[in-house]
Amino acid sequence: MSDKVLREDFDGWVQITLNRPEKLNSLDVEMFRDLRQISQDLAESEGIGCVVLRGAGKCFSAGHDLSGIAQGEAPPSKGWHSETLRMLEKLPIPIIAAVHGHCYTGALEVALAADFIIASDTARFGDTHAKFALTPVWGMSVRLPRRVGIATAKRLMFTSEMFGAEEAVRIGLAEYTVPQVDFDAEIARLATQISEQSHFSHAANKRLLDRSDGKSADEALVREWMDGEGRGPDMHERIAALQNRKK
């Protein structure tokens, strides 16, 4: 692995940092290779209750490195970038994209692979594929409409419009916005809160939500009680802890 993507382990949660600040964390094959390896390692890890994905320096990421595209970068296989983001997305761990500064096009595709986005008040989003006569191949056409609705996704993709954190919250792209001065503290608070919940429940709930996506309500309800694990190995311990606190 290179040092273009960093992994830091905290108490119960992990922070992944896109680490190419001199290039505004613009995304290249080497960064995706690192992200893929970290995703594989996390899939085999235990005791991790949350993953935070963020960028070093001035921004989350300015997007796909256009110089790499112009020079004919060669990923290992067709669909390799998309496959890498799907590996990240399918981790049985809640994933937060913590976005500050630029989050454009390919960077937005990376952020959308997280379970949800929180935004610094400095965040700027946009899909500029159409500006450069490109089409998405990392998941934008699938994940963006599922997050914001088909009409809003079309508007953003057709106009290449840039917009800030408050608009991202309004359309449902981001969950909420945080002043930049408080951003690090809020990331740690939220990641800790999530990691303190049952890791069994997190993994089971992600599977249930993934299975129900696009299904009719009746079918999804059947899958919930038929395929849901119901009770985890830490259930009795957690209930006992609550009862002891009440005493």
Protein backbone atom coordinates (compact mmCIF):
# COMPACT_ATOMS: atom_id res chain seq x y z
CA MET A 1 0.00 0.00 0.00
CA SER A 2 0.97 3.61 -0.57
CA ASP A 3 0.29 6.42 1.90
CA LYS A 4 -2.40 7.97 -0.32
CA VAL A 5 -5.14 6.50 1.86
CA LEU A 6 -4.57 6.27 5.61
CA ARG A 7 -6.25 4.11 8.23
CA GLU A 8 -6.40 5.21 11.86
CA ASP A 9 -7.93 3.01 14.57
CA PHE A 10 -9.71 4.58 17.50
CA ASP A 11 -11.68 3.04 20.37
CA GLY A 12 -14.25 0.97 18.49
CA TRP A 13 -14.12 2.88 15.20
CA VAL A 14 -11.83 3.49 12.24
CA GLN A 15 -11.06 6.60 10.23
CA ILE A 16 -10.08 6.28 6.56
CA THR A 17 -8.48 9.42 5.12
CA LEU A 18 -7.96 10.24 1.47
CA ASN A 19 -4.43 11.56 1.75
CA ARG A 20 -3.30 13.42 -1.34
CA PRO A 21 -3.82 16.97 -0.07
CA GLU A 22 -1.35 18.57 -2.49
CA LYS A 23 -3.68 17.44 -5.31
CA LEU A 24 -6.91 18.16 -3.38
CA ASN A 25 -7.18 14.40 -2.85
CA SER A 26 -7.94 13.86 -6.54
CA LEU A 27 -8.57 10.17 -7.06
CA ASP A 28 -6.25 7.88 -8.98
CA VAL A 29 -5.80 4.13 -9.39
CA GLU A 30 -3.28 3.90 -6.55
CA MET A 31 -5.74 5.51 -4.11
CA PHE A 32 -8.45 3.05 -5.12
CA ARG A 33 -5.99 0.19 -4.68
CA ASP A 34 -5.35 1.36 -1.11
CA LEU A 35 -9.07 1.82 -0.47
CA ARG A 36 -9.73 -1.69 -1.76
CA GLN A 37 -7.09 -3.22 0.52
CA ILE A 38 -8.43 -1.36 3.56
CA SER A 39 -11.97 -2.52 2.73
CA GLN A 40 -10.76 -6.12 2.51
CA ASP A 41 -8.98 -5.78 5.85
CA LEU A 42 -12.06 -4.27 7.51
CA ALA A 43 -14.26 -7.09 6.18
CA GLU A 44 -12.09 -9.52 8.14
CA SER A 45 -11.86 -7.39 11.30
CA GLU A 46 -13.80 -7.68 14.55
CA GLY A 47 -14.66 -5.10 17.17
CA ILE A 48 -15.18 -2.20 14.76
CA GLY A 49 -18.53 -0.43 15.09
CA CYS A 50 -18.15 2.47 12.68
CA VAL A 51 -16.00 3.68 9.77
CA VAL A 52 -15.49 7.36 8.93
CA LEU A 53 -14.33 8.28 5.43
CA ARG A 54 -12.89 11.78 5.00
CA GLY A 55 -10.24 13.81 3.21
CA ALA A 56 -6.96 15.37 4.35
CA GLY A 57 -6.19 19.06 4.00
CA LYS A 58 -8.57 21.51 2.37
CA CYS A 59 -11.28 19.16 1.16
CA PHE A 60 -12.81 15.69 0.94
CA SER A 61 -11.76 15.32 -2.70
CA ALA A 62 -11.93 17.35 -5.89
CA GLY A 63 -12.86 14.18 -7.80
CA HIS A 64 -11.26 11.86 -10.34
CA ASP A 65 -7.79 13.00 -11.38
CA LEU A 66 -8.50 14.41 -14.85
CA SER A 67 -4.82 14.27 -15.80
CA GLY A 68 -4.97 10.52 -15.22
CA ILE A 69 -7.99 10.22 -17.50
CA ALA A 70 -6.26 12.31 -20.18
CA GLN A 71 -3.14 10.16 -19.96
CA GLY A 72 -5.17 6.96 -20.31
CA GLU A 73 -4.93 5.51 -16.82
CA ALA A 74 -5.40 1.74 -16.78
CA PRO A 75 -7.32 0.17 -13.88
CA PRO A 76 -6.73 -3.57 -13.37
CA SER A 77 -10.06 -4.48 -14.99
CA LYS A 78 -13.26 -3.03 -16.38
CA GLY A 79 -15.59 -2.02 -13.55
CA TRP A 80 -12.76 -2.25 -10.99
CA HIS A 81 -13.43 1.19 -9.48
CA SER A 82 -17.14 0.45 -9.12
CA GLU A 83 -16.41 -2.97 -7.65
CA THR A 84 -14.08 -1.37 -5.09
CA LEU A 85 -16.76 1.07 -3.93
CA ARG A 86 -19.27 -1.77 -3.69
CA MET A 87 -16.83 -3.65 -1.45
CA LEU A 88 -16.70 -0.62 0.81
CA GLU A 89 -20.47 -0.14 0.71
CA LYS A 90 -21.19 -3.78 1.64
CA LEU A 91 -19.03 -3.81 4.76
CA PRO A 92 -21.15 -5.00 7.71
CA ILE A 93 -20.22 -1.79 9.52
CA PRO A 94 -21.88 1.66 9.42
CA ILE A 95 -19.90 3.99 7.16
CA ILE A 96 -20.05 7.78 7.42
CA ALA A 97 -18.68 10.08 4.72
CA ALA A 98 -17.56 13.25 6.51
CA VAL A 99 -17.32 15.90 3.79
CA HIS A 100 -15.63 19.27 3.97
CA GLY A 101 -14.63 21.48 1.06
CA HIS A 102 -14.82 20.05 -2.46
CA CYS A 103 -16.77 16.86 -3.16
CA TYR A 104 -17.20 16.74 -6.92
CA THR A 105 -18.15 14.02 -9.40
CA GLY A 106 -15.94 10.98 -8.67
CA ALA A 107 -15.54 12.15 -5.08
CA LEU A 108 -19.31 12.34 -4.74
CA GLU A 109 -19.53 8.78 -6.08
CA VAL A 110 -17.12 7.72 -3.32
CA ALA A 111 -19.10 9.58 -0.65
CA LEU A 112 -22.35 8.00 -1.86
CA ALA A 113 -20.91 4.55 -1.15
CA ALA A 114 -21.13 5.46 2.54
CA ASP A 115 -24.32 4.80 4.48
CA PHE A 116 -24.81 8.52 4.95
CA ILE A 117 -23.03 11.86 4.63
CA ILE A 118 -22.47 14.59 7.18
CA ALA A 119 -21.25 17.91 5.82
CA SER A 120 -19.09 20.69 7.14
CA ASP A 121 -20.53 24.12 6.40
CA THR A 122 -17.61 24.49 3.97
CA ALA A 123 -18.71 21.52 1.85
CA ARG A 124 -19.42 21.95 -1.87
CA PHE A 125 -20.99 19.20 -3.95
CA GLY A 126 -21.60 18.64 -7.63
CA ASP A 127 -21.65 16.14 -10.48
CA THR A 128 -19.68 17.52 -13.44
CA HIS A 129 -19.57 14.45 -15.69
CA ALA A 130 -21.57 16.30 -18.36
CA LYS A 131 -19.20 19.27 -18.30
CA PHE A 132 -16.39 17.03 -19.59
CA ALA A 133 -18.44 14.76 -21.89
CA LEU A 134 -18.20 11.87 -19.43
CA THR A 135 -20.73 9.45 -17.96
CA PRO A 136 -20.54 7.88 -14.51
CA VAL A 137 -19.01 4.43 -14.12
CA TRP A 138 -18.47 4.40 -10.33
CA GLY A 139 -22.13 4.32 -9.29
CA MET A 140 -23.51 7.87 -9.58
CA SER A 141 -26.50 6.92 -11.76
CA VAL A 142 -27.52 4.25 -9.24
CA ARG A 143 -26.80 5.78 -5.83
CA LEU A 144 -27.60 9.46 -6.43
CA PRO A 145 -31.28 8.95 -7.41
CA ARG A 146 -31.77 6.53 -4.55
CA ARG A 147 -30.49 9.21 -2.19
CA VAL A 148 -32.18 12.33 -3.55
CA GLY A 149 -34.89 11.10 -5.95
CA ILE A 150 -34.82 10.66 -9.71
CA ALA A 151 -35.87 14.20 -10.69
CA THR A 152 -33.31 15.88 -8.44
CA ALA A 153 -30.60 13.48 -9.63
CA LYS A 154 -31.44 14.35 -13.23
CA ARG A 155 -31.29 18.07 -12.48
CA LEU A 156 -27.90 17.78 -10.81
CA MET A 157 -26.47 15.53 -13.52
CA PHE A 158 -27.87 17.60 -16.41
CA THR A 159 -26.78 21.02 -15.06
CA SER A 160 -23.39 20.19 -13.43
CA GLU A 161 -24.59 22.59 -10.72
CA MET A 162 -22.39 23.15 -7.67
CA PHE A 163 -24.12 23.58 -4.33
CA GLY A 164 -23.32 23.92 -0.65
CA ALA A 165 -23.97 22.02 2.55
CA GLU A 166 -27.39 23.49 3.34
CA GLU A 167 -28.72 22.58 -0.10
CA ALA A 168 -27.22 19.09 0.28
CA VAL A 169 -29.23 18.67 3.48
CA ARG A 170 -32.38 20.09 1.89
CA ILE A 171 -32.37 17.57 -0.97
CA GLY A 172 -31.44 14.64 1.26
CA LEU A 173 -27.90 14.14 0.04
CA ALA A 174 -26.39 14.94 3.45
CA GLU A 175 -27.99 14.27 6.82
CA TYR A 176 -26.94 17.48 8.55
CA THR A 177 -24.33 20.20 8.48
CA VAL A 178 -21.76 21.13 11.12
CA PRO A 179 -19.62 24.28 11.48
CA GLN A 180 -16.09 23.51 10.31
CA VAL A 181 -14.66 24.53 13.68
CA ASP A 182 -16.67 21.73 15.31
CA PHE A 183 -16.29 19.15 12.55
CA ASP A 184 -13.57 16.94 14.05
CA ALA A 185 -15.33 16.82 17.42
CA GLU A 186 -18.68 15.94 15.82
CA ILE A 187 -17.11 13.17 13.74
CA ALA A 188 -15.59 11.62 16.86
CA ARG A 189 -18.82 12.02 18.85
CA LEU A 190 -20.99 10.43 16.16
CA ALA A 191 -18.58 7.60 15.41
CA THR A 192 -18.30 6.81 19.12
CA GLN A 193 -22.06 6.86 19.58
CA ILE A 194 -22.57 4.45 16.67
CA SER A 195 -19.72 2.16 17.73
CA GLU A 196 -21.22 1.83 21.22
CA GLN A 197 -24.36 0.21 19.80
CA SER A 198 -24.52 -3.51 19.02
CA HIS A 199 -22.20 -4.43 16.16
CA PHE A 200 -24.44 -7.45 15.57
CA SER A 201 -27.41 -5.13 15.01
CA HIS A 202 -25.43 -2.89 12.68
CA ALA A 203 -24.45 -5.80 10.42
CA ALA A 204 -27.94 -7.32 10.49
CA ASN A 205 -29.66 -4.00 9.83
CA LYS A 206 -27.40 -3.21 6.86
CA ARG A 207 -28.28 -6.59 5.35
CA LEU A 208 -31.99 -6.03 5.90
CA LEU A 209 -31.91 -2.56 4.36
CA ASP A 210 -29.94 -3.79 1.37
CA ARG A 211 -32.37 -6.67 0.81
CA SER A 212 -35.44 -4.43 1.06
CA ASP A 213 -34.15 -1.80 -1.38
CA GLY A 214 -36.41 -1.70 -4.41
CA LYS A 215 -38.77 -4.38 -3.08
CA SER A 216 -42.50 -3.92 -2.52
CA ALA A 217 -43.54 -3.22 1.07
CA ASP A 218 -45.17 -6.65 1.40
CA GLU A 219 -42.12 -8.50 0.10
CA ALA A 220 -39.74 -6.42 2.25
CA LEU A 221 -41.83 -7.07 5.37
CA VAL A 222 -41.74 -10.81 4.75
CA ARG A 223 -37.97 -10.71 4.23
CA GLU A 224 -37.59 -8.78 7.50
CA TRP A 225 -39.18 -11.44 9.72
CA MET A 226 -38.01 -14.37 7.61
CA ASP A 227 -34.37 -13.38 7.12
CA GLY A 228 -33.79 -11.04 10.06
CA GLU A 229 -31.53 -12.49 12.73
CA GLY A 230 -33.78 -11.08 15.47
CA ARG A 231 -31.60 -11.43 18.56
CA GLY A 232 -27.86 -11.09 18.81
CA PRO A 233 -25.30 -12.69 21.13
CA ASP A 234 -24.97 -9.48 23.16
CA MET A 235 -28.72 -8.97 23.72
CA HIS A 236 -28.91 -10.37 27.27
CA GLU A 237 -25.79 -8.49 28.32
CA ARG A 238 -27.16 -5.19 27.02
CA ILE A 239 -30.58 -5.65 28.62
CA ALA A 240 -28.97 -6.60 31.93
CA ALA A 241 -26.77 -3.51 31.79
CA LEU A 242 -29.84 -1.30 31.32
CA GLN A 243 -31.69 -2.99 34.18
CA ASN A 244 -28.71 -2.59 36.48
CA ARG A 245 -28.49 1.13 35.69
CA LYS A 246 -32.18 1.53 36.57
CA LYS A 247 -31.58 -0.14 39.94
